[in-house]
Amino acid sequence: MNTRLKAFSESEQGILIRKELVSMAKSKEYNTSSSYSSLDLSGLSFVEKQMRYMSQYPNMNFAQYVANLKIMTRYSK
């Protein structure tokens, strides 16, 4: 874990976002399957992938990003 990811993951905002992403991953409403990763042959989890991405952009509007993720990954009814 790099220092930027560690700092983001331990921040108050990072903790809240992780909880939201975990609830999305546990829900059957969203497509949150693991992605291929050359770093981990078993795949990179949805939560870890998004946390890594968001940690790279500290000025990102995280609430908007998570809202967009919900729209993009929601299964149609």
N, C-alpha and C. Protein backbone atom coordinates (compact mmCIF):
# COMPACT_ATOMS: atom_id res chain seq x y z
N MET A 1 0.85 -1.17 0.00
CA MET A 1 0.00 0.00 0.00
C MET A 1 0.90 1.23 0.00
N ASN A 2 0.69 2.11 -0.97
CA ASN A 2 1.51 3.32 -1.02
C ASN A 2 1.03 4.34 0.01
N THR A 3 1.82 5.39 0.23
CA THR A 3 1.50 6.35 1.29
C THR A 3 0.23 7.14 1.00
N ARG A 4 -0.02 7.46 -0.27
CA ARG A 4 -1.23 8.21 -0.62
C ARG A 4 -2.48 7.37 -0.34
N LEU A 5 -2.45 6.10 -0.72
CA LEU A 5 -3.58 5.20 -0.47
C LEU A 5 -3.76 5.00 1.03
N LYS A 6 -2.67 4.85 1.75
CA LYS A 6 -2.75 4.66 3.21
C LYS A 6 -3.38 5.88 3.86
N ALA A 7 -2.94 7.07 3.49
CA ALA A 7 -3.48 8.31 4.08
C ALA A 7 -4.96 8.45 3.75
N PHE A 8 -5.33 8.17 2.50
CA PHE A 8 -6.74 8.28 2.11
C PHE A 8 -7.59 7.25 2.84
N SER A 9 -7.10 6.02 2.93
CA SER A 9 -7.85 4.94 3.58
C SER A 9 -8.07 5.21 5.06
N GLU A 10 -7.13 5.91 5.69
CA GLU A 10 -7.23 6.18 7.13
C GLU A 10 -7.94 7.49 7.45
N SER A 11 -8.22 8.30 6.41
CA SER A 11 -8.91 9.56 6.66
C SER A 11 -10.38 9.30 6.96
N GLU A 12 -11.03 10.28 7.58
CA GLU A 12 -12.45 10.14 7.92
C GLU A 12 -13.28 9.92 6.66
N GLN A 13 -12.98 10.69 5.62
CA GLN A 13 -13.71 10.56 4.36
C GLN A 13 -13.45 9.20 3.72
N GLY A 14 -12.21 8.74 3.75
CA GLY A 14 -11.87 7.44 3.19
C GLY A 14 -12.58 6.29 3.89
N ILE A 15 -12.70 6.39 5.20
CA ILE A 15 -13.39 5.35 5.97
C ILE A 15 -14.86 5.29 5.59
N LEU A 16 -15.49 6.46 5.46
CA LEU A 16 -16.91 6.51 5.08
C LEU A 16 -17.13 5.97 3.66
N ILE A 17 -16.23 6.34 2.76
CA ILE A 17 -16.35 5.88 1.38
C ILE A 17 -16.16 4.37 1.30
N ARG A 18 -15.18 3.83 2.04
CA ARG A 18 -14.97 2.38 2.05
C ARG A 18 -16.23 1.67 2.53
N LYS A 19 -16.87 2.18 3.57
CA LYS A 19 -18.10 1.57 4.06
C LYS A 19 -19.18 1.56 2.98
N GLU A 20 -19.29 2.65 2.25
CA GLU A 20 -20.28 2.74 1.17
C GLU A 20 -19.95 1.75 0.05
N LEU A 21 -18.68 1.65 -0.32
CA LEU A 21 -18.28 0.73 -1.37
C LEU A 21 -18.48 -0.73 -0.95
N VAL A 22 -18.20 -1.03 0.31
CA VAL A 22 -18.40 -2.39 0.82
C VAL A 22 -19.88 -2.74 0.78
N SER A 23 -20.74 -1.79 1.15
CA SER A 23 -22.18 -2.08 1.10
C SER A 23 -22.64 -2.28 -0.34
N MET A 24 -22.06 -1.55 -1.28
CA MET A 24 -22.38 -1.77 -2.69
C MET A 24 -21.93 -3.17 -3.12
N ALA A 25 -20.73 -3.56 -2.71
CA ALA A 25 -20.17 -4.86 -3.10
C ALA A 25 -21.00 -6.01 -2.53
N LYS A 26 -21.57 -5.82 -1.34
CA LYS A 26 -22.38 -6.86 -0.71
C LYS A 26 -23.78 -6.92 -1.30
N SER A 27 -24.23 -5.84 -1.90
CA SER A 27 -25.58 -5.76 -2.45
C SER A 27 -25.68 -6.51 -3.77
N LYS A 28 -26.83 -7.08 -4.02
CA LYS A 28 -27.07 -7.76 -5.30
C LYS A 28 -27.58 -6.77 -6.36
N GLU A 29 -27.70 -5.49 -5.99
CA GLU A 29 -28.18 -4.47 -6.90
C GLU A 29 -27.09 -3.96 -7.85
N TYR A 30 -25.83 -4.21 -7.49
CA TYR A 30 -24.71 -3.64 -8.25
C TYR A 30 -23.79 -4.72 -8.79
N ASN A 31 -23.25 -4.47 -9.97
CA ASN A 31 -22.26 -5.35 -10.57
C ASN A 31 -20.89 -4.90 -10.08
N THR A 32 -20.38 -5.59 -9.09
CA THR A 32 -19.10 -5.21 -8.48
C THR A 32 -18.11 -6.36 -8.52
N SER A 33 -18.11 -7.11 -9.60
CA SER A 33 -17.22 -8.26 -9.71
C SER A 33 -15.76 -7.81 -9.71
N SER A 34 -14.88 -8.71 -9.32
CA SER A 34 -13.44 -8.42 -9.28
C SER A 34 -12.90 -8.21 -10.67
N SER A 35 -11.83 -7.43 -10.75
CA SER A 35 -11.16 -7.15 -12.02
C SER A 35 -9.84 -7.89 -12.05
N TYR A 36 -9.38 -8.20 -13.25
CA TYR A 36 -8.06 -8.82 -13.40
C TYR A 36 -6.99 -7.83 -12.97
N SER A 37 -5.99 -8.31 -12.30
CA SER A 37 -4.86 -7.48 -11.91
C SER A 37 -3.58 -8.30 -12.05
N SER A 38 -2.58 -7.71 -12.66
CA SER A 38 -1.30 -8.41 -12.77
C SER A 38 -0.61 -8.48 -11.40
N LEU A 39 -1.03 -7.63 -10.47
CA LEU A 39 -0.46 -7.65 -9.13
C LEU A 39 -1.04 -8.77 -8.28
N ASP A 40 -2.28 -9.14 -8.57
CA ASP A 40 -2.96 -10.17 -7.79
C ASP A 40 -3.74 -11.06 -8.74
N LEU A 41 -3.29 -12.26 -8.93
CA LEU A 41 -3.92 -13.15 -9.91
C LEU A 41 -5.35 -13.53 -9.55
N SER A 42 -5.72 -13.42 -8.29
CA SER A 42 -7.09 -13.74 -7.89
C SER A 42 -8.04 -12.59 -8.23
N GLY A 43 -7.51 -11.47 -8.65
CA GLY A 43 -8.33 -10.33 -9.04
C GLY A 43 -8.28 -9.22 -8.01
N LEU A 44 -8.57 -8.04 -8.46
CA LEU A 44 -8.59 -6.86 -7.61
C LEU A 44 -10.04 -6.59 -7.25
N SER A 45 -10.34 -6.53 -5.97
CA SER A 45 -11.73 -6.34 -5.56
C SER A 45 -12.23 -4.96 -5.99
N PHE A 46 -13.53 -4.86 -6.15
CA PHE A 46 -14.18 -3.61 -6.52
C PHE A 46 -13.80 -2.50 -5.54
N VAL A 47 -13.85 -2.81 -4.26
CA VAL A 47 -13.56 -1.80 -3.23
C VAL A 47 -12.12 -1.33 -3.34
N GLU A 48 -11.18 -2.25 -3.43
CA GLU A 48 -9.76 -1.88 -3.52
C GLU A 48 -9.46 -1.10 -4.79
N LYS A 49 -10.06 -1.50 -5.88
CA LYS A 49 -9.84 -0.80 -7.16
C LYS A 49 -10.30 0.64 -7.06
N GLN A 50 -11.49 0.87 -6.51
CA GLN A 50 -12.02 2.22 -6.40
C GLN A 50 -11.25 3.06 -5.38
N MET A 51 -10.87 2.45 -4.26
CA MET A 51 -10.10 3.18 -3.26
C MET A 51 -8.74 3.60 -3.82
N ARG A 52 -8.09 2.72 -4.56
CA ARG A 52 -6.80 3.07 -5.18
C ARG A 52 -6.98 4.23 -6.15
N TYR A 53 -8.02 4.16 -6.97
CA TYR A 53 -8.26 5.21 -7.95
C TYR A 53 -8.52 6.55 -7.26
N MET A 54 -9.41 6.55 -6.29
CA MET A 54 -9.76 7.81 -5.62
C MET A 54 -8.58 8.40 -4.86
N SER A 55 -7.70 7.57 -4.33
CA SER A 55 -6.55 8.08 -3.58
C SER A 55 -5.59 8.85 -4.48
N GLN A 56 -5.65 8.61 -5.77
CA GLN A 56 -4.76 9.30 -6.72
C GLN A 56 -5.23 10.73 -7.02
N TYR A 57 -6.48 11.05 -6.68
CA TYR A 57 -7.06 12.35 -7.01
C TYR A 57 -7.65 12.99 -5.76
N PRO A 58 -6.81 13.60 -4.92
CA PRO A 58 -7.28 14.14 -3.65
C PRO A 58 -8.31 15.27 -3.78
N ASN A 59 -8.37 15.94 -4.91
CA ASN A 59 -9.33 17.03 -5.10
C ASN A 59 -10.64 16.56 -5.73
N MET A 60 -10.78 15.27 -5.91
CA MET A 60 -11.98 14.70 -6.52
C MET A 60 -13.18 14.92 -5.60
N ASN A 61 -14.35 15.08 -6.20
CA ASN A 61 -15.59 15.12 -5.43
C ASN A 61 -15.98 13.66 -5.22
N PHE A 62 -15.62 13.09 -4.08
CA PHE A 62 -15.79 11.67 -3.82
C PHE A 62 -17.26 11.26 -3.76
N ALA A 63 -18.10 12.13 -3.21
CA ALA A 63 -19.53 11.80 -3.13
C ALA A 63 -20.12 11.68 -4.53
N GLN A 64 -19.73 12.57 -5.42
CA GLN A 64 -20.21 12.51 -6.80
C GLN A 64 -19.69 11.28 -7.51
N TYR A 65 -18.44 10.94 -7.27
CA TYR A 65 -17.84 9.76 -7.89
C TYR A 65 -18.58 8.49 -7.47
N VAL A 66 -18.87 8.36 -6.17
CA VAL A 66 -19.58 7.18 -5.67
C VAL A 66 -21.01 7.15 -6.24
N ALA A 67 -21.65 8.32 -6.33
CA ALA A 67 -22.99 8.38 -6.91
C ALA A 67 -22.96 7.91 -8.37
N ASN A 68 -21.95 8.33 -9.11
CA ASN A 68 -21.82 7.89 -10.50
C ASN A 68 -21.54 6.39 -10.58
N LEU A 69 -20.73 5.87 -9.65
CA LEU A 69 -20.47 4.42 -9.61
C LEU A 69 -21.78 3.64 -9.43
N LYS A 70 -22.62 4.16 -8.55
CA LYS A 70 -23.90 3.49 -8.30
C LYS A 70 -24.74 3.45 -9.55
N ILE A 71 -24.75 4.53 -10.29
CA ILE A 71 -25.52 4.58 -11.53
C ILE A 71 -24.94 3.61 -12.57
N MET A 72 -23.61 3.63 -12.71
CA MET A 72 -22.97 2.82 -13.74
C MET A 72 -22.99 1.33 -13.45
N THR A 73 -22.99 0.95 -12.16
CA THR A 73 -22.90 -0.48 -11.85
C THR A 73 -24.24 -1.10 -11.48
N ARG A 74 -25.29 -0.31 -11.38
CA ARG A 74 -26.60 -0.84 -10.99
C ARG A 74 -27.15 -1.75 -12.09
N TYR A 75 -27.60 -2.93 -11.65
CA TYR A 75 -28.27 -3.83 -12.58
C TYR A 75 -29.61 -3.25 -12.97
N SER A 76 -29.99 -3.37 -14.24
CA SER A 76 -31.31 -2.88 -14.65
C SER A 76 -32.39 -3.82 -14.16
N LYS A 77 -33.51 -3.26 -13.90
CA LYS A 77 -34.63 -4.05 -13.35
C LYS A 77 -35.53 -4.55 -14.44
